[in-house]
Amino acid sequence: MVFSKVLSVGAMSAALLASGVTAAHADPLADAEAGPLGRAQVQRLALDEDGYLPVVKLSEQIIRIPVDTDGNVTLETTVYKPEGPGPFPMVVFNHGKIHGDPRAQTRSDPVSLAREFVRRGYVVVAPNRQGFAESGGSYVQDGCDVTRNGLSQAADVATTVDYMSKQSYVDAKHIVVAGTSHGGLATIAYGTNAAPGVRGLINFSGGLRQDACTDWQGNLTNAFRTYGESTHVPSLWLYGDNDSIWPSTLVSQMYTAYTRNTEGKGVNAKMVDFGAYKNDAHRLVGDRDGVRVWWPSVEAFLARVGMPTGVQYRVAEPTQPTPTHFAKIDAVDSVPFVDEAGRAGYRNFLHQYPSRAFAVSDSGAWSWAEGGDDPMSVAIANCQKQSSGPCRLYAVNDSVVWKDGSTQTADADADSSSKEGSKPALASR
């Protein structure tokens, strides 16, 4: 099967949320209960690193990958890589799709995932497919035909893998393709005609929801059934119990349809049910908190397909300021400068999941953020939009970090910009 952009008439509206040496850990997949949605008994591994490892920043580069021979259509692509000439193994990560115009999406920037792979010596490549963000071309819905939609999206994945495989710093024999939500569908579709160096596919909550289409669940299941007929690449599927998009019965149907067609071909697929995650399992891969949930299963999968998993670098993470004990975390009236609306906002903040942050300024501006890769920087940035004076962190997670007259801000050395891939919850005044 050859990937190509396939045009169709009568596009329907769609709804799908977007985002060395092998370590000696027990295989978390080996203890999984039987059944397509068996919950993996994974150990929550510590991600600490040895002090002697070289320190690298999670630097990113934005490149344009040509789609056509003339270079008139290009894909806006974020690349993270370790320092040095390589060649490095590569992960291509495929984003999801938010409601509405795909061009309204910001650049794919999966910081939390990239950090885990870069610290293990990988190049991480995150393309925006045609019609998304600042990429050229147009997004093609293909009506209610999910199978065609996935293959159309996979054409851009193939373009990315082919282009990056020719770069001197990429090890073209050691590639993994991953994706979340709509990008997970594109990832599994890509497996039907993957490049020879692609050793595995990782599907985070993949699919395409089209409520306006008759029997959209059947259409989606049939797409995975079709992909299973042609795939030749092992895959890991990660879905949660409280996913806002996919009912567990549908996930079971999709996985069963796919694996029935891979049986007898020596192509292994493994489903991991990671249980409930915060308020929505669909947000897992966009959260830094989610790494400890998905990494053990991903690590075991990578080892099985001959990819490295050993930590080779120390990569900086956002650093929480030291608690000051200025007040108790739930002392709403102790928050300085804010009016009653700000106190209501702080009460709302107290009901959020860690990781979370609340920022204020002496002008009375305030903001909170939760989840993503660095809610501290998101809270400060959104507070700053409403204030002429500097915004400072008041509380982070379960601690008050405020000091009278302090200049407490998010760690300047941490990765500090707001990331589309993170999609943090936030509120501001």
Protein backbone atom coordinates (compact mmCIF):
# COMPACT_ATOMS: atom_id res chain seq x y z
CA MET A 1 0.00 0.00 0.00
CA VAL A 2 1.39 3.38 -1.02
CA PHE A 3 0.56 6.51 0.91
CA SER A 4 -0.97 9.41 -0.97
CA LYS A 5 -3.22 12.31 -0.29
CA VAL A 6 -6.72 11.16 -1.24
CA LEU A 7 -9.41 13.71 -2.00
CA SER A 8 -13.09 13.14 -1.33
CA VAL A 9 -16.27 15.20 -1.46
CA GLY A 10 -18.65 16.00 1.37
CA ALA A 11 -16.29 16.40 4.30
CA MET A 12 -18.03 16.09 7.64
CA SER A 13 -17.13 17.86 10.86
CA ALA A 14 -14.83 15.92 13.16
CA ALA A 15 -14.13 16.11 16.86
CA LEU A 16 -10.86 14.80 18.22
CA LEU A 17 -8.71 16.29 20.96
CA ALA A 18 -5.41 16.96 20.51
CA SER A 19 -0.91 16.36 21.70
CA GLY A 20 22.93 2.97 24.69
CA VAL A 21 22.79 0.23 27.25
CA THR A 22 19.38 -1.14 28.05
CA ALA A 23 18.35 -0.50 31.65
CA ALA A 24 17.77 -3.59 33.76
CA HIS A 25 14.12 -3.17 34.76
CA ALA A 26 11.42 -5.80 35.08
CA ASP A 27 9.21 -6.04 32.00
CA PRO A 28 5.97 -4.30 33.03
CA LEU A 29 4.09 -5.89 30.13
CA ALA A 30 4.92 -9.42 31.18
CA ASP A 31 2.57 -9.20 34.17
CA ALA A 32 -0.39 -7.81 32.26
CA GLU A 33 -3.70 -9.53 32.82
CA ALA A 34 -5.24 -11.40 29.91
CA GLY A 35 -7.58 -9.61 27.57
CA PRO A 36 -7.32 -6.70 25.16
CA LEU A 37 -7.65 -4.15 27.96
CA GLY A 38 -5.60 -5.92 30.63
CA ARG A 39 -4.24 -3.41 33.13
CA ALA A 40 -0.44 -3.52 33.23
CA GLN A 41 1.01 -3.95 36.70
CA VAL A 42 3.68 -1.35 36.10
CA GLN A 43 6.07 -0.13 38.75
CA ARG A 44 6.23 3.63 39.06
CA LEU A 45 9.94 3.94 38.39
CA ALA A 46 12.04 6.82 39.65
CA LEU A 47 13.52 8.80 36.78
CA ASP A 48 16.59 9.98 38.70
CA GLU A 49 19.87 10.23 36.82
CA ASP A 50 23.46 9.60 37.79
CA GLY A 51 25.43 12.72 38.62
CA TYR A 52 28.30 11.89 36.31
CA LEU A 53 26.19 12.09 33.16
CA PRO A 54 26.71 15.08 30.85
CA VAL A 55 24.16 17.88 31.21
CA VAL A 56 22.27 19.07 28.13
CA LYS A 57 19.51 21.62 27.62
CA LEU A 58 16.34 20.59 25.87
CA SER A 59 17.02 22.88 22.93
CA GLU A 60 14.65 22.87 19.99
CA GLN A 61 15.01 23.76 16.34
CA ILE A 62 12.16 24.56 13.96
CA ILE A 63 12.70 23.30 10.41
CA ARG A 64 10.59 23.05 7.25
CA ILE A 65 10.30 19.59 5.68
CA PRO A 66 9.46 19.72 1.94
CA VAL A 67 6.43 17.71 0.84
CA ASP A 68 6.66 18.25 -2.91
CA THR A 69 9.70 18.25 -5.18
CA ASP A 70 9.55 22.03 -5.65
CA GLY A 71 9.42 22.71 -1.94
CA ASN A 72 6.26 24.80 -2.31
CA VAL A 73 4.53 22.83 0.44
CA THR A 74 6.45 22.25 3.66
CA LEU A 75 5.74 20.86 7.12
CA GLU A 76 6.53 23.04 10.14
CA THR A 77 8.54 20.67 12.31
CA THR A 78 10.08 20.83 15.78
CA VAL A 79 13.34 18.91 16.28
CA TYR A 80 14.99 18.13 19.61
CA LYS A 81 18.40 16.47 19.55
CA PRO A 82 21.32 15.74 21.87
CA GLU A 83 24.56 17.63 21.35
CA GLY A 84 27.04 16.11 18.94
CA PRO A 85 27.07 14.71 15.40
CA GLY A 86 25.25 11.43 16.10
CA PRO A 87 23.96 9.38 14.50
CA PHE A 88 21.14 9.14 17.03
CA PRO A 89 18.07 6.88 17.05
CA MET A 90 14.91 8.80 16.16
CA VAL A 91 11.36 9.16 17.43
CA VAL A 92 8.79 10.82 15.17
CA PHE A 93 5.86 12.10 17.24
CA ASN A 94 2.49 12.85 15.61
CA HIS A 95 0.13 15.40 17.17
CA GLY A 96 -3.61 15.21 17.71
CA LYS A 97 -6.42 17.36 16.33
CA ILE A 98 -8.40 19.93 18.28
CA HIS A 99 -11.93 21.03 17.46
CA GLY A 100 -12.30 23.55 14.67
CA ASP A 101 -9.81 24.88 12.15
CA PRO A 102 -6.56 22.83 12.17
CA ARG A 103 -4.63 25.99 11.28
CA ALA A 104 -5.63 27.43 14.66
CA GLN A 105 -3.49 24.80 16.38
CA THR A 106 -0.13 25.97 17.60
CA ARG A 107 3.08 24.23 16.63
CA SER A 108 3.43 20.67 17.92
CA ASP A 109 5.89 20.83 20.80
CA PRO A 110 5.77 17.63 22.93
CA VAL A 111 8.26 18.79 25.55
CA SER A 112 7.66 16.18 28.25
CA LEU A 113 7.96 13.28 25.83
CA ALA A 114 10.95 14.83 24.08
CA ARG A 115 12.82 15.27 27.36
CA GLU A 116 12.56 11.55 28.18
CA PHE A 117 13.85 10.48 24.78
CA VAL A 118 16.60 13.11 24.48
CA ARG A 119 18.01 12.07 27.86
CA ARG A 120 18.30 8.60 26.35
CA GLY A 121 20.15 9.83 23.28
CA TYR A 122 17.29 10.12 20.78
CA VAL A 123 16.45 12.74 18.19
CA VAL A 124 12.77 13.68 18.58
CA VAL A 125 10.94 15.03 15.54
CA ALA A 126 7.43 16.52 15.79
CA PRO A 127 5.97 17.48 12.39
CA ASN A 128 2.77 19.42 11.89
CA ARG A 129 0.86 17.63 9.17
CA GLN A 130 -0.50 19.48 6.14
CA GLY A 131 -3.09 22.09 7.03
CA PHE A 132 -2.10 22.20 10.71
CA ALA A 133 -0.49 25.22 12.39
CA GLU A 134 2.02 26.88 10.03
CA SER A 135 2.45 23.89 7.71
CA GLY A 136 1.55 24.28 4.06
CA GLY A 137 -1.09 22.36 2.16
CA SER A 138 -4.58 21.62 3.41
CA TYR A 139 -6.11 19.21 5.86
CA VAL A 140 -8.23 16.65 3.98
CA GLN A 141 -11.11 15.22 6.02
CA ASP A 142 -12.11 12.45 3.54
CA GLY A 143 -15.73 12.62 4.66
CA CYS A 144 -16.61 9.78 7.00
CA ASP A 145 -13.96 7.45 5.60
CA VAL A 146 -11.63 7.11 8.58
CA THR A 147 -9.46 4.57 6.79
CA ARG A 148 -8.63 7.03 4.02
CA ASN A 149 -8.17 9.85 6.52
CA GLY A 150 -5.57 7.88 8.45
CA LEU A 151 -3.66 6.92 5.31
CA SER A 152 -3.76 10.52 4.11
CA GLN A 153 -2.25 11.66 7.41
CA ALA A 154 0.30 8.85 7.26
CA ALA A 155 1.60 10.27 3.99
CA ASP A 156 3.02 13.23 5.93
CA VAL A 157 4.50 10.86 8.50
CA ALA A 158 6.21 8.99 5.65
CA THR A 159 7.52 12.27 4.23
CA THR A 160 8.98 13.17 7.63
CA VAL A 161 10.64 9.79 8.19
CA ASP A 162 12.12 9.80 4.69
CA TYR A 163 13.50 13.34 4.97
CA MET A 164 14.93 12.94 8.46
CA SER A 165 16.46 9.54 7.64
CA LYS A 166 18.74 11.33 5.20
CA GLN A 167 20.13 13.66 7.87
CA SER A 168 23.66 12.75 8.98
CA TYR A 169 22.77 12.91 12.68
CA VAL A 170 19.93 10.35 12.37
CA ASP A 171 20.40 6.59 12.64
CA ALA A 172 17.99 5.49 9.93
CA LYS A 173 18.07 1.87 11.15
CA HIS A 174 16.68 2.69 14.57
CA ILE A 175 13.39 4.60 14.30
CA VAL A 176 10.18 4.57 16.34
CA VAL A 177 6.99 6.37 15.28
CA ALA A 178 4.55 7.51 17.97
CA GLY A 179 1.43 9.63 18.11
CA THR A 180 -1.47 10.74 20.27
CA SER A 181 -5.18 10.86 19.44
CA HIS A 182 -5.50 11.67 15.71
CA GLY A 183 -1.73 11.28 15.54
CA GLY A 184 -2.08 7.79 17.02
CA LEU A 185 -4.40 6.86 14.16
CA ALA A 186 -1.87 8.26 11.67
CA THR A 187 0.89 6.28 13.40
CA ILE A 188 -0.91 2.94 13.11
CA ALA A 189 -1.88 3.75 9.51
CA TYR A 190 1.78 4.49 8.74
CA GLY A 191 2.63 0.96 9.86
CA THR A 192 1.06 -0.42 6.70
CA ASN A 193 3.96 0.89 4.62
CA ALA A 194 6.64 1.84 7.12
CA ALA A 195 10.25 2.46 6.17
CA PRO A 196 12.66 -0.48 6.75
CA GLY A 197 14.36 1.20 9.71
CA VAL A 198 11.11 1.69 11.66
CA ARG A 199 11.14 -0.85 14.48
CA GLY A 200 7.99 0.01 16.37
CA LEU A 201 4.82 2.09 16.63
CA ILE A 202 3.49 3.67 19.84
CA ASN A 203 -0.19 4.60 19.89
CA PHE A 204 -1.27 6.93 22.71
CA SER A 205 -5.10 6.94 22.79
CA GLY A 206 -5.31 6.97 19.01
CA GLY A 207 -8.39 7.43 16.83
CA LEU A 208 -10.64 9.94 15.07
CA ARG A 209 -14.06 10.81 16.48
CA GLN A 210 -16.68 11.98 13.96
CA ASP A 211 -19.97 12.38 15.78
CA ALA A 212 -21.67 13.77 12.66
CA CYS A 213 -21.02 10.51 10.78
CA THR A 214 -23.38 7.55 10.94
CA ASP A 215 -21.75 4.68 12.85
CA TRP A 216 -18.55 6.60 13.46
CA GLN A 217 -17.42 3.95 15.93
CA GLY A 218 -17.84 1.24 13.28
CA ASN A 219 -15.93 3.37 10.77
CA LEU A 220 -13.07 3.80 13.23
CA THR A 221 -12.98 0.10 14.10
CA ASN A 222 -12.93 -0.80 10.41
CA ALA A 223 -9.96 1.53 9.85
CA PHE A 224 -7.88 -0.31 12.43
CA ARG A 225 -9.04 -3.63 10.97
CA THR A 226 -7.80 -2.53 7.55
CA TYR A 227 -4.45 -1.32 8.89
CA GLY A 228 -3.95 -4.66 10.64
CA GLU A 229 -4.20 -6.46 7.30
CA SER A 230 -1.10 -4.76 5.91
CA THR A 231 1.09 -3.78 8.85
CA HIS A 232 4.47 -5.38 9.39
CA VAL A 233 5.63 -3.36 12.43
CA PRO A 234 5.15 -4.21 16.15
CA SER A 235 3.01 -1.75 18.10
CA LEU A 236 2.26 -0.64 21.64
CA TRP A 237 -1.20 0.72 22.43
CA LEU A 238 -1.79 2.81 25.58
CA TYR A 239 -5.34 3.76 26.59
CA GLY A 240 -6.90 4.78 29.91
CA ASP A 241 -10.16 4.05 31.69
CA ASN A 242 -11.43 7.63 31.97
CA ASP A 243 -10.71 8.81 28.43
CA SER A 244 -13.20 11.54 27.48
CA ILE A 245 -13.10 10.55 23.80
CA TRP A 246 -12.97 6.74 23.68
CA PRO A 247 -15.30 4.43 25.63
CA SER A 248 -13.45 1.32 26.83
CA THR A 249 -15.75 -0.93 24.79
CA LEU A 250 -14.74 0.92 21.61
CA VAL A 251 -11.04 0.65 22.47
CA SER A 252 -11.47 -3.09 22.90
CA GLN A 253 -13.23 -3.37 19.53
CA MET A 254 -10.51 -1.35 17.74
CA TYR A 255 -7.69 -3.38 19.23
CA THR A 256 -9.40 -6.73 18.61
CA ALA A 257 -10.14 -5.84 14.99
CA TYR A 258 -6.51 -4.84 14.45
CA THR A 259 -4.92 -7.86 16.12
CA ARG A 260 -7.15 -10.39 14.39
CA ASN A 261 -5.58 -9.32 11.13
CA THR A 262 -2.02 -9.35 12.46
CA GLU A 263 -2.22 -12.90 13.82
CA GLY A 264 -0.06 -15.41 12.00
CA LYS A 265 2.19 -12.71 10.51
CA GLY A 266 4.59 -12.49 13.44
CA VAL A 267 3.55 -8.89 14.09
CA ASN A 268 3.08 -8.27 17.79
CA ALA A 269 0.69 -5.69 19.21
CA LYS A 270 0.35 -5.06 22.94
CA MET A 271 -2.42 -3.18 24.70
CA VAL A 272 -1.75 -1.45 28.04
CA ASP A 273 -4.65 -0.09 30.10
CA PHE A 274 -2.98 2.46 32.37
CA GLY A 275 -6.19 3.05 34.35
CA ALA A 276 -7.58 6.46 35.26
CA TYR A 277 -5.39 9.54 34.83
CA LYS A 278 -6.45 12.76 36.54
CA ASN A 279 -9.75 13.93 35.08
CA ASP A 280 -9.10 12.60 31.56
CA ALA A 281 -6.80 9.82 30.35
CA HIS A 282 -6.70 11.49 26.94
CA ARG A 283 -4.33 14.16 28.28
CA LEU A 284 -1.67 11.69 29.50
CA VAL A 285 1.12 12.26 26.98
CA GLY A 286 0.88 16.05 27.21
CA ASP A 287 1.55 16.11 30.96
CA ARG A 288 4.96 15.90 32.62
CA ASP A 289 3.15 14.08 35.43
CA GLY A 290 2.12 11.41 32.93
CA VAL A 291 5.68 10.31 32.15
CA ARG A 292 5.84 8.05 35.18
CA VAL A 293 2.68 6.32 33.98
CA TRP A 294 3.62 5.64 30.36
CA TRP A 295 7.40 5.34 30.44
CA PRO A 296 7.70 1.84 32.05
CA SER A 297 5.60 0.22 29.32
CA VAL A 298 7.29 2.24 26.59
CA GLU A 299 10.71 1.33 27.96
CA ALA A 300 9.89 -2.40 27.86
CA PHE A 301 8.55 -2.06 24.31
CA LEU A 302 11.63 -0.19 23.10
CA ALA A 303 13.89 -2.89 24.53
CA ARG A 304 11.87 -5.60 22.79
CA VAL A 305 12.23 -3.97 19.38
CA GLY A 306 15.96 -3.32 19.77
CA MET A 307 15.91 0.38 20.68
CA PRO A 308 18.10 1.92 23.44
CA THR A 309 16.61 2.80 26.82
CA GLY A 310 19.59 3.71 29.00
CA VAL A 311 19.87 7.30 30.30
CA GLN A 312 22.83 9.07 28.68
CA TYR A 313 22.28 12.74 29.59
CA ARG A 314 20.89 14.90 32.34
CA VAL A 315 18.21 17.19 30.92
CA ALA A 316 16.94 20.13 32.96
CA GLU A 317 13.35 20.06 34.17
CA PRO A 318 11.22 22.89 35.57
CA THR A 319 12.28 23.38 39.20
CA GLN A 320 9.79 24.08 41.97
CA PRO A 321 10.74 27.03 44.22
CA THR A 322 11.42 26.29 47.88
CA PRO A 323 8.35 26.47 50.15
CA THR A 324 8.42 29.61 52.32
CA HIS A 325 5.62 28.76 54.77
CA PHE A 326 4.31 32.29 54.28
CA ALA A 327 0.85 30.82 54.85
CA LYS A 328 -0.98 27.53 54.69
CA ILE A 329 -1.82 26.44 51.15
CA ASP A 330 -5.58 26.65 51.85
CA ALA A 331 -5.45 30.08 53.55
CA VAL A 332 -7.35 31.93 50.83
CA ASP A 333 -7.38 35.26 52.65
CA SER A 334 -3.55 35.27 52.86
CA VAL A 335 -3.10 35.64 49.09
CA PRO A 336 -1.79 39.20 48.60
CA PHE A 337 -3.10 41.91 46.26
CA VAL A 338 -6.07 40.02 44.78
CA ASP A 339 -9.72 41.08 45.02
CA GLU A 340 -12.67 38.77 45.63
CA ALA A 341 -12.54 37.49 42.06
CA GLY A 342 -8.90 36.60 42.60
CA ARG A 343 -9.74 34.77 45.82
CA ALA A 344 -12.39 32.81 43.94
CA GLY A 345 -9.75 32.00 41.36
CA TYR A 346 -7.44 30.78 44.11
CA ARG A 347 -10.17 28.56 45.51
CA ASN A 348 -10.53 27.09 42.03
CA PHE A 349 -6.75 26.56 41.90
CA LEU A 350 -6.92 24.56 45.12
CA HIS A 351 -9.21 22.05 43.40
CA GLN A 352 -6.77 21.42 40.54
CA TYR A 353 -4.45 18.45 40.19
CA PRO A 354 -0.73 18.77 40.78
CA SER A 355 1.26 19.95 38.91
CA ARG A 356 -0.26 23.39 39.43
CA ALA A 357 0.81 26.99 40.03
CA PHE A 358 -0.79 30.30 41.07
CA ALA A 359 0.80 33.66 40.21
CA VAL A 360 -0.04 37.22 41.33
CA SER A 361 1.21 40.76 40.86
CA ASP A 362 0.98 43.87 43.04
CA SER A 363 -1.44 45.32 40.49
CA GLY A 364 -3.99 42.65 41.46
CA ALA A 365 -3.54 40.52 38.35
CA TRP A 366 -3.54 36.75 38.90
CA SER A 367 -3.52 33.47 37.02
CA TRP A 368 -3.35 29.76 37.70
CA ALA A 369 -2.31 26.87 35.47
CA GLU A 370 -2.45 23.12 35.86
CA GLY A 371 -0.81 20.23 34.00
CA GLY A 372 1.25 20.36 30.86
CA ASP A 373 5.02 20.52 31.14
CA ASP A 374 5.55 23.70 33.16
CA PRO A 375 2.44 25.26 34.73
CA MET A 376 4.64 27.71 36.69
CA SER A 377 5.73 29.51 33.55
CA VAL A 378 2.24 29.35 32.05
CA ALA A 379 0.72 30.93 35.18
CA ILE A 380 3.30 33.74 35.21
CA ALA A 381 2.98 34.40 31.47
CA ASN A 382 -0.81 34.66 31.60
CA CYS A 383 -0.73 36.82 34.71
CA GLN A 384 1.81 39.09 33.01
CA LYS A 385 -0.56 39.67 30.11
CA GLN A 386 -2.84 41.52 32.55
CA SER A 387 -0.20 43.36 34.57
CA SER A 388 2.28 46.19 34.00
CA GLY A 389 4.28 45.06 37.03
CA PRO A 390 6.06 41.74 37.45
CA CYS A 391 4.02 38.64 38.27
CA ARG A 392 5.39 36.21 40.86
CA LEU A 393 4.52 32.71 41.98
CA TYR A 394 2.42 32.51 45.12
CA ALA A 395 1.81 28.75 45.29
CA VAL A 396 3.14 25.69 43.46
CA ASN A 397 1.59 22.24 43.86
CA ASP A 398 0.81 21.97 47.60
CA SER A 399 3.19 24.64 48.90
CA VAL A 400 3.14 28.40 49.28
CA VAL A 401 6.36 29.81 47.81
CA TRP A 402 5.62 33.50 48.32
CA LYS A 403 7.93 35.81 50.23
CA ASP A 404 7.13 39.47 50.86
CA GLY A 405 9.26 41.52 48.46
CA SER A 406 10.47 38.37 46.75
CA THR A 407 11.26 37.97 43.08
CA GLN A 408 10.08 34.38 43.02
CA THR A 409 9.63 33.22 39.45
CA ALA A 410 9.76 29.95 37.58
CA ASP A 411 13.29 28.58 37.17
CA ALA A 412 14.95 30.57 34.41
CA ASP A 413 16.92 27.48 33.38
CA ALA A 414 13.86 25.33 33.00
CA ASP A 415 11.90 24.90 29.79
CA SER A 416 9.59 27.79 30.32
CA SER A 417 7.33 28.56 27.40
CA SER A 418 3.70 27.59 27.07
CA LYS A 419 3.39 24.43 24.96
CA GLU A 420 0.52 23.46 22.71
CA GLY A 421 1.33 19.81 23.23
CA SER A 422 0.86 20.30 26.97
CA LYS A 423 -2.55 21.97 26.77
CA PRO A 424 -2.54 23.13 30.42
CA ALA A 425 -5.74 24.15 32.11
CA LEU A 426 -5.52 27.78 33.15
CA ALA A 427 -7.50 30.73 34.35
CA SER A 428 -6.44 34.36 34.43
CA ARG A 429 -7.59 37.80 35.34
